[in-house]
Protein backbone atom coordinates (compact mmCIF):
# COMPACT_ATOMS: atom_id res chain seq x y z
CA MET A 1 102.75 95.58 98.19
CA LYS A 2 105.34 93.89 96.06
CA ARG A 3 106.93 91.56 98.55
CA ALA A 4 110.66 91.71 98.05
CA ILE A 5 112.45 88.42 98.33
CA HIS A 6 115.96 88.23 99.70
CA LEU A 7 117.96 85.53 97.88
CA ALA A 8 120.43 83.88 100.14
CA LEU A 9 122.74 81.09 98.96
CA LEU A 10 122.97 77.92 100.97
CA LEU A 11 126.29 77.51 102.65
CA THR A 12 125.87 73.81 103.33
CA GLY A 13 124.24 70.99 101.47
CA ALA A 14 123.11 69.17 104.57
CA LEU A 15 119.39 68.61 104.81
CA LEU A 16 118.62 70.80 101.80
CA PHE A 17 114.95 71.43 101.17
CA SER A 18 113.73 71.88 97.66
CA LEU A 19 110.80 72.44 95.40
CA SER A 20 109.63 69.68 93.13
CA LEU A 21 109.53 71.56 89.87
CA GLY A 22 108.15 70.12 86.68
CA MET A 23 108.02 71.29 83.10
CA SER A 24 104.73 72.97 82.49
CA CYS A 25 102.16 71.19 80.42
CA SER A 26 98.43 71.26 79.91
CA MET A 27 96.59 68.10 80.79
CA GLY A 28 93.46 66.93 82.54
CA THR A 29 89.87 65.89 81.98
CA SER A 30 86.55 67.63 82.29
CA LYS A 31 83.26 66.34 83.60
CA GLU A 32 79.80 67.77 83.64
CA SER A 33 78.54 68.38 87.16
CA ASP A 34 75.22 67.01 88.33
CA THR A 35 74.93 70.00 90.67
CA PRO A 36 73.23 73.03 89.17
CA THR A 37 75.36 76.18 89.23
CA GLU A 38 74.31 79.78 89.41
CA THR A 39 75.27 81.90 86.43
CA PRO A 40 76.13 85.51 87.31
CA THR A 41 73.57 87.94 86.02
CA ASP A 42 76.29 90.41 85.15
CA PRO A 43 79.88 89.14 85.60
CA THR A 44 81.23 92.69 85.27
CA ASP A 45 79.09 94.07 88.11
CA PRO A 46 81.04 93.97 91.41
CA THR A 47 77.78 94.28 93.35
CA ASP A 48 76.32 91.12 91.78
CA PRO A 49 76.32 88.59 94.66
CA THR A 50 76.41 85.67 92.21
CA ASP A 51 79.61 86.92 90.58
CA PRO A 52 82.49 84.73 91.85
CA GLU A 53 85.38 86.58 93.45
CA ASP A 54 88.72 86.57 91.68
CA PRO A 55 91.40 84.59 93.50
CA VAL A 56 94.03 86.59 95.36
CA PHE A 57 97.74 85.95 94.79
CA THR A 58 100.78 87.61 96.35
CA GLU A 59 104.14 87.69 94.57
CA VAL A 60 106.94 87.06 97.05
CA ILE A 61 109.84 87.38 94.60
CA THR A 62 111.35 90.77 93.85
CA ASN A 63 112.85 91.63 90.47
CA GLY A 64 112.07 88.21 89.05
CA ASP A 65 112.36 89.58 85.51
CA PHE A 66 115.77 91.14 86.31
CA ALA A 67 114.59 94.49 84.94
CA ASP A 68 116.59 96.08 87.76
CA GLY A 69 119.67 93.99 86.96
CA PHE A 70 121.29 91.43 89.24
CA ALA A 71 120.79 93.23 92.54
CA LEU A 72 119.52 92.58 96.06
CA PRO A 73 117.61 90.65 97.08
CA TRP A 74 119.22 88.37 94.45
CA GLU A 75 122.60 87.06 95.60
CA LEU A 76 125.35 84.77 94.28
CA TRP A 77 127.24 82.41 96.55
CA ILE A 78 130.21 80.23 95.64
CA GLY A 79 132.27 77.86 97.79
CA GLY A 80 134.08 74.54 97.78
CA GLY A 81 136.47 75.69 95.09
CA ALA A 82 133.72 76.71 92.70
CA ALA A 83 133.96 79.82 90.51
CA ALA A 84 131.06 81.64 88.90
CA THR A 85 129.79 85.10 88.05
CA ALA A 86 126.26 86.43 87.72
CA ALA A 87 125.05 89.42 85.71
CA ALA A 88 121.91 90.66 84.01
CA VAL A 89 122.31 90.46 80.23
CA ASP A 90 119.58 91.57 77.82
CA GLY A 91 116.89 91.33 80.48
CA SER A 92 117.75 87.93 81.93
CA LEU A 93 120.21 86.60 84.51
CA VAL A 94 123.28 84.84 83.17
CA VAL A 95 125.30 82.68 85.56
CA SER A 96 128.69 81.76 84.07
CA VAL A 97 130.17 78.71 85.79
CA THR A 98 133.91 78.24 85.31
CA ASN A 99 134.45 75.79 88.17
CA ALA A 100 131.55 73.71 89.51
CA GLY A 101 133.25 72.74 92.77
CA THR A 102 132.47 69.34 94.26
CA GLU A 103 128.83 69.72 95.37
CA SER A 104 125.67 70.95 93.69
CA TRP A 105 125.40 73.81 96.17
CA ASN A 106 128.94 75.12 95.62
CA ALA A 107 127.59 77.65 93.09
CA GLN A 108 124.12 79.12 93.57
CA VAL A 109 121.91 82.15 93.18
CA TYR A 110 119.10 82.75 95.61
CA GLN A 111 116.67 85.04 97.40
CA ASN A 112 116.47 84.65 101.16
CA GLY A 113 114.17 85.94 103.89
CA LEU A 114 111.07 85.49 101.77
CA THR A 115 107.83 85.98 103.66
CA MET A 116 106.20 82.55 103.29
CA PRO A 117 103.16 81.73 105.43
CA ASP A 118 101.81 78.21 105.25
CA GLY A 119 99.60 77.56 102.26
CA ASP A 120 99.63 76.93 98.52
CA TYR A 121 102.27 78.31 96.16
CA THR A 122 102.98 78.35 92.44
CA LEU A 123 106.63 78.54 91.39
CA SER A 124 107.56 79.27 87.79
CA PHE A 125 110.66 80.33 85.88
CA ARG A 126 112.26 80.20 82.45
CA ALA A 127 115.73 78.74 81.94
CA LYS A 128 118.24 77.64 79.32
CA ALA A 129 121.96 76.78 79.10
CA ALA A 130 124.55 77.43 76.41
CA ALA A 131 125.41 73.71 76.62
CA ALA A 132 123.02 71.06 77.93
CA ARG A 133 123.29 70.70 81.71
CA LYS A 134 121.20 70.27 84.85
CA ILE A 135 120.37 72.57 87.76
CA ASN A 136 118.77 72.01 91.14
CA VAL A 137 115.94 74.14 92.50
CA GLN A 138 115.07 74.18 96.19
CA ALA A 139 112.96 76.04 98.70
CA GLY A 140 113.05 75.96 102.48
CA ASN A 141 114.40 77.70 105.58
CA GLY A 142 118.11 77.75 106.37
CA ASP A 143 118.23 79.96 109.45
CA SER A 144 119.44 77.08 111.63
CA GLY A 145 120.16 73.98 109.62
CA TRP A 146 118.01 73.28 106.61
CA VAL A 147 114.24 72.71 106.81
CA GLU A 148 112.82 71.75 103.45
CA PHE A 149 109.43 72.88 102.25
CA LYS A 150 109.64 70.48 99.28
CA PRO A 151 112.34 67.98 98.18
CA VAL A 152 115.06 69.06 95.76
CA ASN A 153 114.35 68.80 92.02
CA VAL A 154 116.74 68.45 89.13
CA TYR A 155 115.98 70.18 85.80
CA SER A 156 117.56 69.50 82.45
CA LEU A 157 118.31 72.65 80.50
CA THR A 158 118.90 72.94 76.77
CA ALA A 159 119.94 75.75 74.47
CA ASP A 160 116.28 76.72 74.09
CA TRP A 161 114.20 78.56 76.68
CA GLN A 162 111.90 76.28 78.68
CA THR A 163 109.24 77.25 81.21
CA PHE A 164 109.00 75.24 84.43
CA THR A 165 106.10 75.43 86.88
CA LEU A 166 105.15 73.80 90.14
CA ASP A 167 102.23 73.97 92.53
CA PHE A 168 103.16 72.99 96.06
CA THR A 169 101.93 73.38 99.63
CA LYS A 170 104.12 74.70 102.44
CA ALA A 171 103.22 73.17 105.79
CA ALA A 172 105.90 74.30 108.22
CA SER A 173 104.20 76.75 110.57
CA ALA A 174 107.31 77.18 112.71
CA TYR A 175 108.99 78.98 109.81
CA SER A 176 107.46 82.18 108.43
CA THR A 177 110.32 82.93 106.04
CA GLY A 178 112.01 80.91 103.34
CA LYS A 179 114.73 80.80 100.71
CA LEU A 180 114.50 80.04 97.00
CA VAL A 181 117.72 78.56 95.59
CA PHE A 182 119.00 77.74 92.10
CA GLU A 183 122.04 75.44 92.37
CA ALA A 184 124.56 75.39 89.53
CA GLY A 185 127.44 73.45 91.09
CA ALA A 186 128.61 69.89 90.59
CA ILE A 187 125.49 67.83 89.89
CA ALA A 188 125.94 64.09 89.23
CA ASP A 189 125.49 63.29 85.55
CA GLY A 190 124.79 66.97 85.16
CA GLY A 191 126.01 67.40 81.59
CA THR A 192 128.33 70.24 80.64
CA LEU A 193 128.75 71.89 84.03
CA LEU A 194 131.10 74.66 82.90
CA THR A 195 128.75 76.74 80.82
CA ASP A 196 126.40 79.73 80.94
CA ILE A 197 122.96 79.32 82.55
CA SER A 198 120.20 81.86 81.85
CA LEU A 199 117.22 82.51 84.16
CA ASP A 200 114.26 84.81 83.67
CA ASP A 201 110.67 85.47 84.84
CA VAL A 202 111.19 83.88 88.25
CA SER A 203 107.91 83.96 90.17
CA LEU A 204 106.74 82.53 93.48
CA LEU A 205 103.05 83.22 93.98
CA TYR A 206 101.36 82.70 97.33
CA HIS A 207 97.68 81.77 96.92
CA GLY A 208 96.29 84.48 99.19
CA SER A 209 97.23 87.83 100.68
CA ILE A 210 100.21 88.50 102.94
CA GLY A 211 100.02 91.32 105.48
CA GLY A 212 97.63 92.85 107.98
CA SER A 213 95.29 95.39 106.41
CA GLY A 214 96.14 94.69 102.79
CA GLU A 215 97.54 98.20 102.40
CA GLU A 216 100.39 98.70 99.98
CA PRO A 217 103.44 100.36 101.59
CA GLY A 218 103.03 103.22 99.18
CA ASP A 219 99.51 103.75 100.48
CA TYR A 220 100.78 104.87 103.89
CA THR A 221 100.99 108.64 103.79
CA TYR A 222 103.51 110.36 106.07
CA PRO A 223 102.38 112.42 107.77
CA ALA A 224 98.88 110.99 108.03
CA THR A 225 96.00 113.46 107.86
CA ASN A 226 93.68 112.15 110.57
CA PRO A 227 92.59 115.06 112.82
CA ASP A 228 94.02 115.62 116.27
CA THR A 229 91.07 115.26 118.65
CA TYR A 230 93.05 114.51 121.81
CA THR A 231 92.03 115.97 125.17
CA PRO A 232 93.85 115.08 128.41
CA GLY A 233 90.71 114.64 130.49
CA THR A 234 89.34 116.35 133.55
CA GLY A 235 91.78 117.78 136.07
CA TRP A 236 94.94 117.68 133.95
CA THR A 237 96.91 120.90 133.35
CA LEU A 238 99.58 121.24 130.68
CA SER A 239 102.97 121.58 132.39
CA TRP A 240 105.34 121.31 129.41
CA SER A 241 105.24 120.37 125.72
CA ASP A 242 107.22 120.29 122.52
CA GLU A 243 104.92 120.80 119.54
CA PHE A 244 107.79 120.67 117.00
CA ASN A 245 106.46 123.73 115.20
CA ASP A 246 109.54 125.93 114.83
CA GLY A 247 111.34 123.86 112.18
CA THR A 248 114.49 123.53 114.29
CA PHE A 249 115.62 120.42 116.14
CA ASP A 250 115.77 121.67 119.73
CA THR A 251 119.16 120.62 121.05
CA ASN A 252 118.36 122.26 124.38
CA THR A 253 115.93 119.41 124.99
CA TRP A 254 116.82 116.62 122.59
CA THR A 255 120.05 114.75 121.94
CA ARG A 256 120.69 112.41 119.02
CA GLN A 257 122.32 109.61 120.96
CA THR A 258 125.35 107.86 119.45
CA MET A 259 125.30 104.10 119.93
CA LEU A 260 127.18 101.97 117.41
CA ASN A 261 126.77 98.65 119.22
CA PRO A 262 123.25 98.67 120.66
CA PRO A 263 122.08 95.88 122.99
CA ASN A 264 119.37 93.24 122.52
CA GLY A 265 120.77 91.77 119.30
CA GLU A 266 119.67 94.82 117.32
CA TRP A 267 121.09 95.34 113.81
CA GLN A 268 121.04 99.13 113.54
CA GLN A 269 123.64 101.68 114.50
CA TYR A 270 122.78 105.11 115.89
CA PRO A 271 125.24 107.67 114.41
CA GLY A 272 123.81 110.44 116.61
CA GLY A 273 125.64 113.69 117.21
CA THR A 274 124.85 116.65 114.99
CA ASP A 275 124.08 114.50 111.94
CA ALA A 276 120.46 115.23 111.01
CA THR A 277 120.20 112.35 108.51
CA TYR A 278 118.18 110.17 110.85
CA ALA A 279 116.47 112.65 113.20
CA TRP A 280 115.26 116.14 112.38
CA GLU A 281 112.34 118.55 112.72
CA GLU A 282 110.22 119.49 109.71
CA GLY A 283 106.66 120.57 108.93
CA GLY A 284 105.48 120.48 112.53
CA TYR A 285 106.94 117.06 113.36
CA MET A 286 110.03 115.47 114.82
CA ILE A 287 110.94 112.77 112.30
CA LEU A 288 113.05 109.67 112.94
CA LYS A 289 114.30 107.56 110.05
CA ALA A 290 115.67 104.02 109.79
CA ALA A 291 117.51 103.09 106.58
CA MET A 292 119.26 100.05 105.14
CA THR A 293 122.83 101.15 104.48
CA GLY A 294 124.50 97.79 103.77
CA THR A 295 124.04 95.23 101.04
CA SER A 296 122.52 92.40 103.06
CA TYR A 297 120.04 91.86 105.88
CA ALA A 298 122.52 91.58 108.72
CA ASP A 299 123.98 93.33 111.76
CA ASN A 300 125.42 96.83 111.23
CA ASN A 301 123.77 97.17 107.82
CA PHE A 302 121.15 99.63 109.09
CA LYS A 303 121.28 103.12 110.56
CA SER A 304 118.60 104.80 112.62
CA ALA A 305 117.90 107.36 115.34
CA ARG A 306 117.65 107.28 119.11
CA VAL A 307 116.55 110.67 120.47
CA ILE A 308 116.72 111.31 124.22
CA SER A 309 115.80 114.16 126.59
CA ASN A 310 118.57 113.37 129.07
CA PRO A 311 120.02 116.44 130.79
CA GLY A 312 123.63 116.70 129.75
CA GLY A 313 122.97 114.80 126.54
CA GLN A 314 125.06 111.82 125.46
CA ASN A 315 127.13 111.45 128.63
CA GLY A 316 125.54 113.93 131.02
CA THR A 317 128.30 116.53 130.64
CA SER A 318 127.22 118.61 127.63
CA GLY A 319 125.29 121.19 129.62
CA THR A 320 122.12 120.45 127.64
CA PRO A 321 119.15 121.22 129.92
CA GLY A 322 117.11 118.29 128.61
CA LYS A 323 113.85 117.36 130.27
CA VAL A 324 113.04 114.89 133.03
CA PHE A 325 109.72 113.74 134.44
CA LYS A 326 108.45 112.40 137.75
CA TYR A 327 104.76 111.55 137.86
CA GLY A 328 102.00 113.10 135.78
CA LYS A 329 100.63 112.29 132.34
CA ILE A 330 103.24 111.87 129.59
CA ALA A 331 101.64 111.65 126.15
CA ALA A 332 102.84 111.74 122.56
CA ARG A 333 100.96 111.72 119.24
CA ILE A 334 102.87 109.44 116.87
CA GLN A 335 102.59 107.81 113.46
CA LEU A 336 104.72 104.68 113.61
CA PRO A 337 106.81 102.81 111.05
CA TYR A 338 105.89 99.30 109.93
CA GLY A 339 107.34 96.10 108.49
CA LYS A 340 108.73 92.81 109.67
CA GLY A 341 111.66 93.31 112.05
CA VAL A 342 111.00 97.01 112.70
CA TRP A 343 110.87 97.83 116.42
CA PRO A 344 109.87 101.43 117.27
CA ALA A 345 109.53 102.61 120.85
CA PHE A 346 108.52 105.59 123.01
CA TRP A 347 109.93 104.94 126.48
CA MET A 348 111.71 106.29 129.57
CA LEU A 349 114.87 105.54 131.54
CA GLY A 350 115.85 106.57 135.06
CA ASP A 351 117.93 109.75 134.87
CA ASN A 352 120.57 108.14 137.08
CA ILE A 353 121.53 105.48 134.50
CA SER A 354 125.27 105.14 133.91
CA GLU A 355 124.71 104.96 130.15
CA THR A 356 124.23 108.73 130.06
CA GLY A 357 126.47 109.85 132.88
CA GLY A 358 124.70 108.57 135.99
CA THR A 359 125.96 106.16 138.63
CA THR A 360 123.32 103.42 138.42
CA THR A 361 123.30 100.45 136.06
CA TRP A 362 120.33 99.09 134.14
CA PRO A 363 117.80 97.82 135.21
CA GLU A 364 118.42 99.21 138.68
CA CYS A 365 117.68 102.67 137.21
CA GLY A 366 114.22 101.54 136.09
CA GLU A 367 112.66 101.53 132.62
CA ILE A 368 109.13 102.48 131.54
CA ASP A 369 108.12 101.34 128.04
CA ILE A 370 105.15 103.48 127.05
CA LEU A 371 104.91 101.84 123.65
CA GLU A 372 106.75 99.14 121.76
CA THR A 373 105.49 97.61 118.52
CA GLY A 374 106.91 94.90 116.29
CA SER A 375 106.77 92.00 118.75
CA LYS A 376 107.42 88.62 117.16
CA ASN A 377 104.74 87.21 119.47
CA ASP A 378 102.00 89.47 118.07
CA PRO A 379 100.07 88.97 114.81
CA ASP A 380 101.31 90.58 111.57
CA TYR A 381 104.81 91.00 113.01
CA GLY A 382 103.37 93.29 115.69
CA GLN A 383 102.60 96.11 113.27
CA GLY A 384 99.16 96.64 114.81
CA SER A 385 99.97 95.76 118.42
CA THR A 386 101.44 97.88 121.21
CA ASN A 387 102.98 96.71 124.48
CA GLY A 388 103.70 98.55 127.74
CA THR A 389 106.30 97.16 130.14
CA LEU A 390 108.33 97.97 133.24
CA HIS A 391 111.89 96.78 133.89
CA HIS A 392 113.51 97.00 137.33
CA ASP A 393 115.53 95.25 140.00
CA PRO A 394 113.06 93.24 142.12
CA THR A 395 115.05 93.56 145.36
CA VAL A 396 114.66 96.20 148.05
CA GLU A 397 118.42 96.74 148.09
CA ASN A 398 118.47 97.55 144.34
CA VAL A 399 122.23 97.07 144.19
CA THR A 400 123.82 98.68 141.16
CA GLY A 401 125.74 96.26 138.99
CA ASP A 402 123.55 93.26 139.83
CA TYR A 403 121.72 93.40 136.45
CA ASN A 404 118.78 91.64 138.06
CA ASN A 405 116.00 92.36 135.60
CA GLN A 406 112.36 91.79 136.47
CA ILE A 407 110.02 92.31 133.52
CA LEU A 408 106.52 93.50 134.37
CA ASP A 409 104.28 93.10 131.32
CA SER A 410 101.70 95.74 132.05
CA ALA A 411 99.73 96.71 128.94
CA ALA A 412 98.93 95.24 125.54
CA TYR A 413 96.51 96.11 122.77
CA THR A 414 95.98 95.05 119.15
CA LEU A 415 94.12 97.32 116.76
CA PRO A 416 90.88 95.88 115.32
CA ASN A 417 90.31 94.79 111.72
CA GLY A 418 93.96 94.17 110.94
CA GLU A 419 94.90 97.84 111.16
CA PHE A 420 98.53 98.93 111.48
CA PHE A 421 99.84 101.84 113.56
CA ALA A 422 101.46 103.18 110.38
CA GLU A 423 98.08 104.06 108.92
CA LYS A 424 97.47 107.13 111.09
CA PHE A 425 98.50 109.04 114.19
CA HIS A 426 97.67 107.63 117.63
CA VAL A 427 98.21 109.05 121.11
CA PHE A 428 100.27 106.85 123.45
CA GLU A 429 100.39 107.89 127.10
CA ILE A 430 100.92 106.93 130.71
CA GLU A 431 99.33 108.35 133.86
CA TRP A 432 101.92 107.99 136.62
CA ASP A 433 101.59 108.67 140.33
CA ALA A 434 103.04 107.28 143.55
CA ALA A 435 100.67 104.30 143.52
CA LYS A 436 100.59 103.05 139.93
CA ILE A 437 101.23 103.62 136.23
CA VAL A 438 98.30 103.44 133.80
CA TRP A 439 98.82 102.98 130.04
CA LYS A 440 96.38 104.52 127.56
CA LEU A 441 95.95 104.41 123.79
CA ASP A 442 93.88 107.22 122.27
CA GLY A 443 92.46 107.90 125.73
CA ILE A 444 91.45 104.28 126.43
CA ASN A 445 92.95 102.37 129.37
CA ILE A 446 94.91 99.36 128.05
CA GLY A 447 96.73 98.29 131.23
CA GLU A 448 98.19 99.30 134.59
CA GLN A 449 100.83 98.32 137.12
CA THR A 450 101.23 99.13 140.81
CA ILE A 451 104.52 100.70 141.90
CA SER A 452 103.92 101.33 145.60
CA GLU A 453 105.82 98.19 146.64
CA ALA A 454 109.15 98.69 148.41
CA THR A 455 110.84 96.67 145.67
CA ARG A 456 109.76 99.20 143.03
CA SER A 457 111.49 102.29 144.37
CA GLU A 458 113.06 102.99 140.95
CA PHE A 459 109.76 104.39 139.72
CA HIS A 460 109.76 107.27 142.19
CA GLU A 461 112.75 109.08 140.66
CA ASN A 462 113.29 111.34 137.66
CA PHE A 463 113.10 109.75 134.20
CA TYR A 464 113.97 111.04 130.74
CA VAL A 465 112.21 110.22 127.46
CA LEU A 466 113.49 108.27 124.45
CA PHE A 467 112.18 107.83 120.91
CA ASN A 468 113.90 105.30 118.65
CA ILE A 469 113.50 102.88 115.76
CA ALA A 470 115.37 99.59 116.24
CA VAL A 471 115.86 97.03 113.49
CA ALA A 472 115.79 93.33 114.46
CA GLY A 473 116.59 92.19 118.00
CA ILE A 474 115.31 89.83 120.67
CA PHE A 475 111.88 91.47 120.86
CA THR A 476 111.07 91.39 117.15
CA ASP A 477 111.69 89.41 113.97
CA THR A 478 114.54 89.93 111.54
CA PRO A 479 113.78 92.13 108.54
CA ASP A 480 113.95 90.74 105.03
CA SER A 481 113.07 91.73 101.51
CA SER A 482 109.43 92.09 102.52
CA THR A 483 110.42 94.99 104.83
CA PRO A 484 110.45 98.33 103.01
CA PHE A 485 113.19 100.81 103.86
CA PRO A 486 113.56 103.60 104.77
CA GLN A 487 111.06 103.61 107.63
CA TYR A 488 109.83 106.67 109.52
CA MET A 489 108.43 107.69 112.90
CA TYR A 490 106.55 111.01 112.92
CA VAL A 491 106.08 112.61 116.35
CA ASP A 492 103.45 115.36 116.21
CA TRP A 493 103.89 116.45 119.81
CA ILE A 494 104.90 115.32 123.28
CA ARG A 495 103.20 116.79 126.38
CA HIS A 496 103.46 116.56 130.15
CA TYR A 497 100.32 117.20 132.20
CA THR A 498 100.05 117.43 135.96
CA LYS A 499 97.24 117.59 138.52
């Protein structure tokens, strides 16, 4: 997958981190080894065990040759009285500085949110200036203050193209993302500061692979073609289902919920209503979509879907029959989205919640999370891990308005061999009775929680179902240029079984 890199300009110069870049040159010595080496019998034969493997590199910069113009994830930032423009001209980026400001960082182009695990990197770029001047090049993390991955370097540009390269090692495990910055502001003894600077062929290569299964995003086929082999098990009888086979979004059951300021620090908005842009039925599936609709990776720059089965719809007054559940097996066959900062869920809320017309606040209404993926605490940004959780008020009184949230982590599972849930359909389900809730993945028990305690009375009432795709938030990471959009959730069916 071509890992897009979001260029973000540094707003402050304090504690800037930078890359030590040097002009490329060829130098070194060679020495015969005293250790005998094994010559491959046939270097072109991939099955030859003596044939050395080619090294793996991952490009983390997007549009480094500016073939797509000066566009996201490249960005220009100016401040401190500086003035500059940036545009792609004849296949390279031209930054025209007309006021350099007072600091080197007052005019800069950058990509931010780059996926940068610890390890070795090679940075390279070509540059020139209409009149001789200097630029700074830096790399680090600026999410909260500035954490440098390598000290700042100053480069002297001339009217002729020069190629600069650097090998460096990032060793800052607390930071999985970074920013690459070219500063064109006021640099001491910087030459002719008010001039045109040209950049091209910007590359930042990670020496290794980035991602879980190594699949390219384009390799994920929606819908996946793995066969449906699910059976509910002995003793279960189908009580209700939606197989999504009639090609029409069933508004008697499902409501596209409108929520323009969602909780949990999430970045997406849910337009909802009758707009089918982000939730619809097609080809035997209910499909949810999350898209980037703004120009930067920030709050309110994404739109998505939150589909609910609440009777009465959005506020409980629409007359929509909906569908509620109390006990039984609730199962859905789903192919999930993927990517850093993508947070899909299949879950349930107490039907009495005030959010949709009830009289009880959250978490006093109770919440059952059948699946959530994308946790920032799981490997590979949680793309291959699912979590099952209960939320409720831990008191017997269960007083509405107290917002006393007890979190019961109840189930967790990570797919083997670096697989992601986007690769194929899986069946996520709970078995729910008066004593406990059991979570299953593809028929295998992955966790359970008792609910017979007097303090867990919420879980003995009617609940409705929700499907949604959140973007960013307290549970997950923040998306960046490595996160492809749009993202999709395909729901093949949802079924309720009883005994």
